[in-house]
Amino acid sequence: MSKNTKNTTVDIDYADQAVPKEGRKGFLTMFMIMLGFTFFSASMWVGQQMAAGLDFWGFIKSLLLGGAILGMYTGLLGYVGAKTGLSMDLLAKRAFGEKGSYLSSAMISFTQIGWFGVGVAMFAIPVSGELLGGSKAAMWALVLVAGGCMTASAYFGIDSLTVVSYIAVPLVAILGTVAMVMAVRQGNGTIVDQFAVSSGSVTVIGGAGMVVGSFVSGGTATPNFARFAKDAKSGTIATVVAFFIGNSLMFFFGAIAYIFVGGNDIFEVMIRLNLFYMAILVLGLNIWTTNDNALYSAGLGLANFFRQKKKPMVLISGIIGTLLSVWLYYNFCNWLNVLNCTLPPVGIILVLSYFINKKEYDSDKVEIKTVNWFAVIGVIAGAVVANLVSWGIASINGMAVAAVCYVAGQVLCKNREEAAENA
């Protein structure tokens, strides 16, 4: 570190550079941050759909298969982020080019601001209904308070995210699991019996696709957090284990909510069990741990896109997401699910770029292209295929197409370079 750097205020989020050794964090901290990231309330909606269409063993098989695919994807991104210390947007500059990276930055920002807004409404709407009579004024008051608190934790960066995760993760995991067990015990028969009422309309592959699709877009932002791991091994392990545990809990919460109350949220279960204040605590903390991570990623993306500092971009993202939250909740979820299919092609190209060009990632002075058109075309083609092809798992289809486009482009460029050298 230069003298000039020492004499200036250190950016603890290292938005414009690789995270140095002194900015790295231990395994437990990384595990808590990544686990909190996966505590995504919308995943409970997916758990409800799986419980409605699968028996218990089909649910478990889908969970294991989808979790393995999602773990492999996020684990690779976690490895690259921890190994290089680079955020998703800095990795995108290497893979897509300086201006090409604007595509991925805009996509992640747009998607994460959308999910942030949905999350704020997912807290404010049911809580105002149960606690404050469901009035519009009460709902908007909760929207503003919740949005403001979540924006603040993202604004203050990785240290604030760490504090929130250490508080929220154990509480959500323990209290939610206790409520889930209480609900099962009050049901008719064993959990296997209760799952048996499903329609059987979902296949194991279809269920696995739901598992992957539930968080694959958010998982693409994994390098933004894994880059703080002390080494690649701990970053990868923390990511894979956290994603599997966190997502599995959310799916089970959603499934039990469907079986027990016909809903999709552990909040409804806890209300039925007369655990009112505990329900509010669990719902709020559950959403907060994901929303501050989502907003943090959105801020980094907009900072790259507009070439501004991260903090003001986080603030702007939070204001937009908060003010549009109710509209997003009622009108935008289907569009966000479409956008979920556009981000996995970005992630697979970031991974391939690193493993194909490892030596270039060891240097800070690598020449960055303006646009890598093969990477850009790969993302567009992958997104189209993921959204239009009904066979298989959408996100994997998109990644496969994007990978072929990118690798073909790399081979073509290297052949041209060799031909020019031999000429």
Foldseek 3Di string as FASTA:
>chain_A
DDPVQVVDDDDLLPLPAAQDLVSADELVLLLLLLLLQLLALVLLVLLLVCLQADFPVLLVLLLVLLLVVLLVLLLLLLLVLQALSHFLLVLCCQLFNLQRSLVLLVLLLVLLLLSLLQLLLVQLQVCCVVPVVRDPVSSLVSLVVLLVVLLVLLLVHDVSLSVLSVPQVVLLVVLLVVLLVVLQVPDDDHSSVLSVVHPNNAGSLRSSLSLNLSCVSVSLRSSSSSSNHSHSVSSSVSNSVSNSVSSVSSSSCQSSCCSRPNGRHSLVSCVVVVVNVSSSSNSSSSSSSNSSSSLNSSLSSVCSNVVHDSNVSSVVSSVVSSVCSVVSNVPPPVVSSLSSLLRLLSSLSSSVSCVVPVVQSVDPPRDGHRGLVLLSVLSVVLSVQLNPPPPGRSNVSSNVSNVVSSVVSVVVVVVVVVVVVVD
